[in-house]
């Protein structure tokens, strides 16, 4: 048997005011998208914003449906919209923000497992990692250097 050690590093910012201008601009877009989410069932709204290599910012938000699990997460809405509208343009960065109408979300909310897998596909496809910033409604923000930091041992086409 052989053991390996996996380690990741992430930057933790106390709040949005500590972000660089570029990071804050992207997070503001994610917050704006979050405020337009359709979440009447979970009351949990998520917004995502992708900065593309052509300087376009593509946003997405969660879209729920009474027929669970027919809804879709914000991250996948944004990534598939980017893939559809700009199929050969690299993603430079992703920002995510989440809130609840039931309680204050004051800790960072990372992408769910399905979104991590979908985002990983695009990071692998473009052969270039992209940083991921995520936060709740207020409070700390986490920034990782890549999706790989959030999903080690990801499944990709090399297994097919």
N, C-alpha and C. Protein backbone atom coordinates (compact mmCIF):
# COMPACT_ATOMS: atom_id res chain seq x y z
N UNK A 1 0.84 -1.18 0.00
CA UNK A 1 0.00 0.00 0.00
C UNK A 1 0.88 1.24 0.00
N UNK A 2 0.41 2.21 -0.70
CA UNK A 2 1.09 3.49 -0.79
C UNK A 2 0.12 4.58 -0.38
N UNK A 3 0.56 5.52 0.40
CA UNK A 3 -0.29 6.63 0.82
C UNK A 3 0.16 7.90 0.11
N UNK A 4 -0.81 8.72 -0.20
CA UNK A 4 -0.50 10.03 -0.76
C UNK A 4 -1.16 11.08 0.11
N UNK A 5 -0.61 12.23 0.06
CA UNK A 5 -1.16 13.33 0.85
C UNK A 5 -1.70 14.39 -0.12
N UNK A 6 -2.93 14.79 0.13
CA UNK A 6 -3.55 15.84 -0.68
C UNK A 6 -3.63 17.08 0.19
N UNK A 7 -3.17 18.18 -0.34
CA UNK A 7 -3.31 19.42 0.40
C UNK A 7 -3.75 20.52 -0.57
N UNK A 8 -4.54 21.39 -0.05
CA UNK A 8 -4.98 22.54 -0.83
C UNK A 8 -4.69 23.79 -0.04
N UNK A 9 -4.62 24.88 -0.74
CA UNK A 9 -4.51 26.16 -0.04
C UNK A 9 -5.58 27.07 -0.60
N UNK A 10 -6.03 27.94 0.24
CA UNK A 10 -7.06 28.90 -0.15
C UNK A 10 -6.82 30.20 0.59
N UNK A 11 -7.17 31.27 -0.04
CA UNK A 11 -7.12 32.58 0.62
C UNK A 11 -8.47 32.81 1.26
N UNK A 12 -8.47 33.36 2.47
CA UNK A 12 -9.71 33.68 3.15
C UNK A 12 -9.72 35.19 3.42
N UNK A 13 -10.73 35.84 2.88
CA UNK A 13 -10.91 37.27 3.07
C UNK A 13 -12.01 37.49 4.10
N UNK A 14 -11.86 38.48 4.95
CA UNK A 14 -12.86 38.75 5.99
C UNK A 14 -14.21 39.18 5.44
N UNK A 15 -14.18 39.95 4.37
CA UNK A 15 -15.42 40.38 3.73
C UNK A 15 -15.09 40.93 2.35
N UNK A 16 -16.11 41.36 1.64
CA UNK A 16 -15.95 41.77 0.23
C UNK A 16 -15.05 42.99 0.07
N UNK A 17 -14.92 43.80 1.11
CA UNK A 17 -14.07 45.00 1.00
C UNK A 17 -12.59 44.66 0.88
N UNK A 18 -12.19 43.44 1.27
CA UNK A 18 -10.79 43.03 1.17
C UNK A 18 -10.41 42.51 -0.21
N UNK A 19 -11.39 42.30 -1.08
CA UNK A 19 -11.10 41.77 -2.42
C UNK A 19 -10.47 42.83 -3.30
N UNK A 20 -9.71 42.38 -4.29
CA UNK A 20 -9.19 43.31 -5.30
C UNK A 20 -10.36 43.89 -6.07
N UNK A 21 -10.14 44.95 -6.80
CA UNK A 21 -11.20 45.58 -7.58
C UNK A 21 -11.81 44.57 -8.56
N UNK A 22 -10.96 43.78 -9.23
CA UNK A 22 -11.44 42.81 -10.22
C UNK A 22 -12.28 41.72 -9.56
N UNK A 23 -11.79 41.20 -8.43
CA UNK A 23 -12.53 40.15 -7.73
C UNK A 23 -13.85 40.68 -7.19
N UNK A 24 -13.82 41.89 -6.67
CA UNK A 24 -15.05 42.48 -6.12
C UNK A 24 -16.07 42.74 -7.22
N UNK A 25 -15.61 43.19 -8.37
CA UNK A 25 -16.51 43.42 -9.50
C UNK A 25 -17.20 42.13 -9.90
N UNK A 26 -16.44 41.04 -9.98
CA UNK A 26 -17.03 39.76 -10.35
C UNK A 26 -17.99 39.27 -9.27
N UNK A 27 -17.61 39.43 -7.99
CA UNK A 27 -18.50 39.00 -6.91
C UNK A 27 -19.77 39.85 -6.90
N UNK A 28 -19.67 41.12 -7.20
CA UNK A 28 -20.87 41.97 -7.29
C UNK A 28 -21.83 41.45 -8.37
N UNK A 29 -21.28 40.94 -9.46
CA UNK A 29 -22.12 40.35 -10.52
C UNK A 29 -22.80 39.08 -10.02
N UNK A 30 -22.07 38.27 -9.24
CA UNK A 30 -22.66 37.05 -8.67
C UNK A 30 -23.78 37.42 -7.68
N UNK A 31 -23.56 38.44 -6.90
CA UNK A 31 -24.59 38.90 -5.96
C UNK A 31 -25.82 39.39 -6.71
N UNK A 32 -25.60 40.15 -7.78
CA UNK A 32 -26.72 40.61 -8.60
C UNK A 32 -27.50 39.46 -9.20
N UNK A 33 -26.79 38.44 -9.66
CA UNK A 33 -27.46 37.25 -10.22
C UNK A 33 -28.23 36.53 -9.13
N UNK A 34 -27.63 36.43 -7.94
CA UNK A 34 -28.29 35.76 -6.81
C UNK A 34 -29.63 36.41 -6.49
N UNK A 35 -29.68 37.70 -6.57
CA UNK A 35 -30.91 38.44 -6.25
C UNK A 35 -32.03 38.19 -7.25
N UNK A 36 -31.71 37.61 -8.40
CA UNK A 36 -32.71 37.28 -9.42
C UNK A 36 -33.06 35.79 -9.44
N UNK A 37 -32.49 35.02 -8.52
CA UNK A 37 -32.73 33.58 -8.50
C UNK A 37 -34.21 33.27 -8.30
N UNK A 38 -34.62 32.13 -8.80
CA UNK A 38 -35.98 31.64 -8.61
C UNK A 38 -35.91 30.47 -7.63
N UNK A 39 -36.15 30.77 -6.34
CA UNK A 39 -35.99 29.76 -5.29
C UNK A 39 -37.18 29.77 -4.33
N UNK A 40 -38.40 29.59 -4.85
CA UNK A 40 -39.57 29.67 -3.98
C UNK A 40 -39.72 28.48 -3.03
N UNK A 41 -39.04 27.38 -3.27
CA UNK A 41 -39.19 26.18 -2.46
C UNK A 41 -38.13 26.10 -1.37
N UNK A 42 -36.88 26.21 -1.75
CA UNK A 42 -35.79 26.11 -0.77
C UNK A 42 -35.56 27.43 -0.03
N UNK A 43 -35.95 28.52 -0.64
CA UNK A 43 -35.69 29.87 -0.09
C UNK A 43 -34.18 30.15 -0.03
N UNK A 44 -33.40 29.38 -0.79
CA UNK A 44 -31.95 29.50 -0.80
C UNK A 44 -31.52 29.93 -2.20
N UNK A 45 -31.06 31.16 -2.31
CA UNK A 45 -30.71 31.74 -3.61
C UNK A 45 -29.20 31.74 -3.82
N UNK A 46 -28.80 31.38 -5.03
CA UNK A 46 -27.38 31.35 -5.38
C UNK A 46 -27.19 32.07 -6.69
N UNK A 47 -26.12 32.85 -6.76
CA UNK A 47 -25.73 33.51 -8.00
C UNK A 47 -24.30 33.16 -8.34
N UNK A 48 -24.02 33.06 -9.62
CA UNK A 48 -22.66 32.76 -10.09
C UNK A 48 -22.31 33.71 -11.21
N UNK A 49 -21.04 34.08 -11.29
CA UNK A 49 -20.55 34.94 -12.36
C UNK A 49 -19.21 34.40 -12.84
N UNK A 50 -19.08 34.25 -14.14
CA UNK A 50 -17.86 33.77 -14.77
C UNK A 50 -17.22 34.90 -15.57
N UNK A 51 -15.95 35.14 -15.34
CA UNK A 51 -15.19 36.07 -16.17
C UNK A 51 -14.51 35.27 -17.26
N UNK A 52 -14.77 35.64 -18.50
CA UNK A 52 -14.19 34.93 -19.64
C UNK A 52 -12.99 35.68 -20.19
N UNK A 53 -12.20 34.97 -20.96
CA UNK A 53 -10.98 35.51 -21.56
C UNK A 53 -11.26 36.72 -22.46
N UNK A 54 -12.46 36.79 -23.05
CA UNK A 54 -12.83 37.91 -23.91
C UNK A 54 -13.43 39.07 -23.13
N UNK A 55 -13.29 39.04 -21.79
CA UNK A 55 -13.79 40.04 -20.85
C UNK A 55 -15.31 40.06 -20.68
N UNK A 56 -15.99 39.09 -21.26
CA UNK A 56 -17.43 38.95 -21.01
C UNK A 56 -17.61 38.37 -19.61
N UNK A 57 -18.67 38.78 -18.95
CA UNK A 57 -19.06 38.19 -17.68
C UNK A 57 -20.40 37.50 -17.91
N UNK A 58 -20.43 36.20 -17.66
CA UNK A 58 -21.64 35.40 -17.83
C UNK A 58 -22.15 35.05 -16.45
N UNK A 59 -23.44 35.30 -16.21
CA UNK A 59 -24.02 35.02 -14.91
C UNK A 59 -25.06 33.91 -14.99
N UNK A 60 -25.35 33.35 -13.84
CA UNK A 60 -26.40 32.35 -13.72
C UNK A 60 -26.92 32.37 -12.29
N UNK A 61 -28.12 31.87 -12.10
CA UNK A 61 -28.67 31.74 -10.75
C UNK A 61 -29.49 30.46 -10.68
N UNK A 62 -29.76 30.01 -9.47
CA UNK A 62 -30.50 28.77 -9.35
C UNK A 62 -31.95 28.98 -9.77
N UNK A 63 -32.47 27.94 -10.42
CA UNK A 63 -33.84 27.94 -10.95
C UNK A 63 -34.52 26.68 -10.43
N UNK A 64 -35.45 26.85 -9.51
CA UNK A 64 -36.12 25.71 -8.90
C UNK A 64 -37.40 25.33 -9.65
N UNK A 65 -37.89 24.17 -9.30
CA UNK A 65 -39.10 23.64 -9.92
C UNK A 65 -39.81 22.79 -8.88
N UNK A 66 -41.13 22.85 -8.88
CA UNK A 66 -41.90 22.06 -7.92
C UNK A 66 -41.65 20.56 -8.10
N UNK A 67 -41.28 20.15 -9.29
CA UNK A 67 -40.97 18.75 -9.56
C UNK A 67 -39.48 18.51 -9.30
N UNK A 68 -39.12 18.42 -8.01
CA UNK A 68 -37.73 18.16 -7.66
C UNK A 68 -37.27 16.89 -8.35
N UNK A 69 -36.10 16.73 -8.85
CA UNK A 69 -34.98 17.66 -8.85
C UNK A 69 -34.81 18.37 -10.19
N UNK A 70 -35.89 18.81 -10.77
CA UNK A 70 -35.85 19.42 -12.11
C UNK A 70 -35.17 20.77 -12.15
N UNK A 71 -34.92 21.38 -11.03
CA UNK A 71 -34.27 22.68 -11.01
C UNK A 71 -32.80 22.59 -11.39
N UNK A 72 -32.15 23.73 -11.37
CA UNK A 72 -30.74 23.76 -11.76
C UNK A 72 -29.99 24.77 -10.89
N UNK A 73 -28.77 24.41 -10.53
CA UNK A 73 -27.90 25.27 -9.73
C UNK A 73 -27.35 26.44 -10.54
N UNK A 74 -27.02 27.50 -9.85
CA UNK A 74 -26.49 28.72 -10.48
C UNK A 74 -25.21 28.46 -11.26
N UNK A 75 -24.32 27.66 -10.68
CA UNK A 75 -23.02 27.42 -11.32
C UNK A 75 -23.17 26.72 -12.65
N UNK A 76 -24.06 25.72 -12.71
CA UNK A 76 -24.27 25.00 -13.96
C UNK A 76 -25.02 25.85 -14.97
N UNK A 77 -25.94 26.69 -14.51
CA UNK A 77 -26.61 27.61 -15.43
C UNK A 77 -25.56 28.50 -16.09
N UNK A 78 -24.66 29.07 -15.29
CA UNK A 78 -23.63 29.97 -15.82
C UNK A 78 -22.63 29.25 -16.72
N UNK A 79 -22.13 28.10 -16.30
CA UNK A 79 -21.10 27.41 -17.08
C UNK A 79 -21.65 26.93 -18.41
N UNK A 80 -22.88 26.44 -18.41
CA UNK A 80 -23.46 25.96 -19.66
C UNK A 80 -23.85 27.11 -20.57
N UNK A 81 -24.24 28.23 -19.99
CA UNK A 81 -24.52 29.42 -20.79
C UNK A 81 -23.22 29.91 -21.45
N UNK A 82 -22.14 29.92 -20.69
CA UNK A 82 -20.85 30.32 -21.25
C UNK A 82 -20.42 29.34 -22.34
N UNK A 83 -20.59 28.05 -22.08
CA UNK A 83 -20.22 27.04 -23.07
C UNK A 83 -21.06 27.14 -24.33
N UNK A 84 -22.31 27.54 -24.20
CA UNK A 84 -23.21 27.67 -25.34
C UNK A 84 -22.93 28.95 -26.13
N UNK A 85 -22.78 30.06 -25.42
CA UNK A 85 -22.60 31.35 -26.09
C UNK A 85 -21.16 31.62 -26.52
N UNK A 86 -20.20 31.07 -25.79
CA UNK A 86 -18.78 31.31 -26.06
C UNK A 86 -18.01 29.99 -25.98
N UNK A 87 -18.27 29.06 -26.89
CA UNK A 87 -17.75 27.70 -26.75
C UNK A 87 -16.23 27.54 -26.72
N UNK A 88 -15.49 28.44 -27.29
CA UNK A 88 -14.04 28.30 -27.33
C UNK A 88 -13.30 29.39 -26.56
N UNK A 89 -14.02 30.05 -25.66
CA UNK A 89 -13.43 31.13 -24.87
C UNK A 89 -13.14 30.60 -23.47
N UNK A 90 -11.92 30.81 -23.01
CA UNK A 90 -11.51 30.29 -21.71
C UNK A 90 -12.17 31.05 -20.56
N UNK A 91 -12.41 30.31 -19.50
CA UNK A 91 -12.91 30.89 -18.25
C UNK A 91 -11.70 31.32 -17.43
N UNK A 92 -11.73 32.55 -16.96
CA UNK A 92 -10.62 33.06 -16.15
C UNK A 92 -10.89 32.97 -14.66
N UNK A 93 -12.18 33.08 -14.28
CA UNK A 93 -12.49 33.07 -12.85
C UNK A 93 -13.99 32.89 -12.64
N UNK A 94 -14.34 32.34 -11.49
CA UNK A 94 -15.74 32.13 -11.09
C UNK A 94 -15.96 32.72 -9.71
N UNK A 95 -17.10 33.41 -9.55
CA UNK A 95 -17.51 33.92 -8.24
C UNK A 95 -18.91 33.41 -7.93
N UNK A 96 -19.15 33.05 -6.66
CA UNK A 96 -20.43 32.49 -6.22
C UNK A 96 -20.85 33.18 -4.93
N UNK A 97 -22.15 33.49 -4.85
CA UNK A 97 -22.71 34.05 -3.62
C UNK A 97 -24.04 33.38 -3.33
N UNK A 98 -24.31 33.12 -2.05
CA UNK A 98 -25.55 32.44 -1.66
C UNK A 98 -26.21 33.17 -0.50
N UNK A 99 -27.55 33.14 -0.48
CA UNK A 99 -28.30 33.73 0.63
C UNK A 99 -29.57 32.93 0.86
N UNK A 100 -30.22 33.19 1.97
CA UNK A 100 -31.47 32.53 2.31
C UNK A 100 -32.46 33.57 2.81
N UNK A 101 -33.71 33.39 2.47
CA UNK A 101 -34.73 34.29 3.00
C UNK A 101 -35.20 33.81 4.37
N UNK A 102 -34.66 32.70 4.84
CA UNK A 102 -35.03 32.15 6.14
C UNK A 102 -34.04 32.57 7.23
N UNK A 103 -32.75 32.58 6.89
CA UNK A 103 -31.73 32.95 7.86
C UNK A 103 -30.54 33.58 7.15
N UNK A 104 -29.74 34.32 7.89
CA UNK A 104 -28.56 34.98 7.34
C UNK A 104 -27.48 33.94 7.03
N UNK A 105 -26.98 33.93 5.80
CA UNK A 105 -25.90 33.04 5.41
C UNK A 105 -24.59 33.83 5.54
N UNK A 106 -23.86 33.54 6.62
CA UNK A 106 -22.67 34.33 6.93
C UNK A 106 -21.37 33.54 6.85
N UNK A 107 -21.42 32.41 6.14
CA UNK A 107 -20.19 31.65 5.90
C UNK A 107 -20.15 31.26 4.43
N UNK A 108 -18.97 31.04 3.88
CA UNK A 108 -18.84 30.73 2.45
C UNK A 108 -19.58 29.45 2.06
N UNK A 109 -20.25 29.51 0.92
CA UNK A 109 -20.99 28.37 0.39
C UNK A 109 -20.35 27.96 -0.93
N UNK A 110 -19.68 26.82 -0.93
CA UNK A 110 -19.03 26.31 -2.14
C UNK A 110 -20.02 25.59 -3.04
N UNK A 111 -19.60 25.28 -4.24
CA UNK A 111 -20.48 24.56 -5.18
C UNK A 111 -20.81 23.15 -4.69
N UNK A 112 -21.99 22.67 -5.03
CA UNK A 112 -22.37 21.30 -4.68
C UNK A 112 -21.52 20.32 -5.51
N UNK A 113 -21.63 19.05 -5.21
CA UNK A 113 -20.84 18.04 -5.91
C UNK A 113 -21.10 17.98 -7.40
N UNK A 114 -22.37 18.06 -7.80
CA UNK A 114 -22.70 18.01 -9.23
C UNK A 114 -22.11 19.21 -9.95
N UNK A 115 -22.15 20.37 -9.32
CA UNK A 115 -21.57 21.57 -9.94
C UNK A 115 -20.05 21.47 -10.01
N UNK A 116 -19.44 20.94 -8.98
CA UNK A 116 -17.97 20.77 -9.00
C UNK A 116 -17.56 19.89 -10.18
N UNK A 117 -18.30 18.81 -10.40
CA UNK A 117 -18.00 17.92 -11.51
C UNK A 117 -18.19 18.64 -12.85
N UNK A 118 -19.27 19.38 -12.99
CA UNK A 118 -19.53 20.10 -14.25
C UNK A 118 -18.49 21.18 -14.50
N UNK A 119 -18.13 21.91 -13.45
CA UNK A 119 -17.11 22.95 -13.59
C UNK A 119 -15.75 22.33 -13.91
N UNK A 120 -15.46 21.20 -13.29
CA UNK A 120 -14.20 20.51 -13.54
C UNK A 120 -14.05 20.15 -15.01
N UNK A 121 -15.13 19.74 -15.63
CA UNK A 121 -15.11 19.38 -17.06
C UNK A 121 -14.58 20.55 -17.90
N UNK A 122 -15.02 21.74 -17.57
CA UNK A 122 -14.59 22.92 -18.34
C UNK A 122 -13.15 23.30 -18.02
N UNK A 123 -12.72 23.13 -16.78
CA UNK A 123 -11.33 23.41 -16.43
C UNK A 123 -10.41 22.44 -17.18
N UNK A 124 -10.80 21.17 -17.23
CA UNK A 124 -10.01 20.17 -17.96
C UNK A 124 -10.03 20.46 -19.45
N UNK A 125 -11.20 20.79 -19.99
CA UNK A 125 -11.35 21.08 -21.42
C UNK A 125 -10.43 22.22 -21.86
N UNK A 126 -10.36 23.27 -21.07
CA UNK A 126 -9.55 24.42 -21.48
C UNK A 126 -8.07 24.29 -21.10
N UNK A 127 -7.73 23.19 -20.40
CA UNK A 127 -6.34 22.94 -20.01
C UNK A 127 -5.72 24.11 -19.26
N UNK A 128 -6.55 24.75 -18.48
CA UNK A 128 -6.08 25.90 -17.69
C UNK A 128 -6.99 26.04 -16.48
N UNK A 129 -6.42 26.04 -15.29
CA UNK A 129 -7.26 26.20 -14.09
C UNK A 129 -7.84 27.60 -14.01
N UNK A 130 -8.94 27.71 -13.27
CA UNK A 130 -9.49 29.04 -12.99
C UNK A 130 -9.82 29.16 -11.50
N UNK A 131 -9.50 30.31 -10.91
CA UNK A 131 -9.80 30.53 -9.49
C UNK A 131 -11.30 30.53 -9.24
N UNK A 132 -11.67 30.12 -8.03
CA UNK A 132 -13.06 30.10 -7.61
C UNK A 132 -13.17 30.88 -6.30
N UNK A 133 -14.04 31.90 -6.30
CA UNK A 133 -14.34 32.67 -5.10
C UNK A 133 -15.74 32.31 -4.65
N UNK A 134 -15.96 32.10 -3.36
CA UNK A 134 -17.32 31.84 -2.90
C UNK A 134 -17.55 32.42 -1.52
N UNK A 135 -18.81 32.85 -1.34
CA UNK A 135 -19.22 33.48 -0.09
C UNK A 135 -20.69 33.19 0.16
N UNK A 136 -21.13 33.53 1.36
CA UNK A 136 -22.56 33.51 1.64
C UNK A 136 -23.13 34.86 1.23
N UNK A 137 -24.01 35.37 2.05
CA UNK A 137 -24.59 36.68 1.79
C UNK A 137 -23.66 37.78 2.30
N UNK A 138 -23.03 37.51 3.43
CA UNK A 138 -22.08 38.42 4.06
C UNK A 138 -20.95 37.59 4.66
N UNK A 139 -19.91 38.27 5.08
CA UNK A 139 -18.84 37.59 5.80
C UNK A 139 -17.70 37.13 4.93
N UNK A 140 -17.03 36.08 5.40
CA UNK A 140 -15.81 35.61 4.76
C UNK A 140 -16.03 35.14 3.33
N UNK A 141 -14.97 35.29 2.56
CA UNK A 141 -14.92 34.82 1.17
C UNK A 141 -13.70 33.92 1.05
N UNK A 142 -13.89 32.77 0.42
CA UNK A 142 -12.78 31.85 0.17
C UNK A 142 -12.44 31.94 -1.31
N UNK A 143 -11.14 31.91 -1.60
CA UNK A 143 -10.66 31.90 -2.98
C UNK A 143 -9.67 30.76 -3.14
N UNK A 144 -9.99 29.85 -4.04
CA UNK A 144 -9.08 28.76 -4.37
C UNK A 144 -8.45 29.05 -5.73
N UNK A 145 -7.32 28.44 -5.99
CA UNK A 145 -6.61 28.67 -7.24
C UNK A 145 -7.25 27.95 -8.42
N UNK A 146 -8.03 26.91 -8.11
CA UNK A 146 -8.59 26.11 -9.20
C UNK A 146 -9.75 25.27 -8.69
N UNK A 147 -10.46 24.68 -9.62
CA UNK A 147 -11.53 23.73 -9.30
C UNK A 147 -10.94 22.46 -8.73
N UNK A 148 -9.76 22.10 -9.18
CA UNK A 148 -9.10 20.89 -8.70
C UNK A 148 -8.93 20.93 -7.17
N UNK A 149 -8.75 22.11 -6.62
CA UNK A 149 -8.62 22.25 -5.17
C UNK A 149 -9.92 21.87 -4.46
N UNK A 150 -11.05 22.01 -5.15
CA UNK A 150 -12.34 21.67 -4.57
C UNK A 150 -12.78 20.25 -4.90
N UNK A 151 -12.13 19.63 -5.89
CA UNK A 151 -12.54 18.30 -6.33
C UNK A 151 -11.32 17.46 -6.72
N UNK A 152 -10.51 17.07 -5.73
CA UNK A 152 -9.40 16.19 -6.07
C UNK A 152 -9.93 14.83 -6.52
N UNK A 153 -9.17 14.15 -7.32
CA UNK A 153 -9.57 12.85 -7.87
C UNK A 153 -10.83 12.95 -8.72
N UNK A 154 -10.97 14.01 -9.46
CA UNK A 154 -12.17 14.19 -10.28
C UNK A 154 -12.25 13.13 -11.38
N UNK A 155 -13.45 12.89 -11.82
CA UNK A 155 -13.71 11.96 -12.90
C UNK A 155 -13.62 12.73 -14.21
N UNK A 156 -12.87 12.21 -15.18
CA UNK A 156 -12.77 12.88 -16.48
C UNK A 156 -12.79 11.87 -17.61
N UNK A 157 -12.63 12.34 -18.81
CA UNK A 157 -12.75 11.48 -20.00
C UNK A 157 -11.67 10.41 -20.06
N UNK A 158 -10.59 10.55 -19.31
CA UNK A 158 -9.54 9.53 -19.36
C UNK A 158 -10.02 8.18 -18.81
N UNK A 159 -11.12 8.17 -18.08
CA UNK A 159 -11.69 6.93 -17.54
C UNK A 159 -12.63 6.25 -18.52
N UNK A 160 -13.00 6.92 -19.57
CA UNK A 160 -13.99 6.38 -20.51
C UNK A 160 -13.33 5.53 -21.60
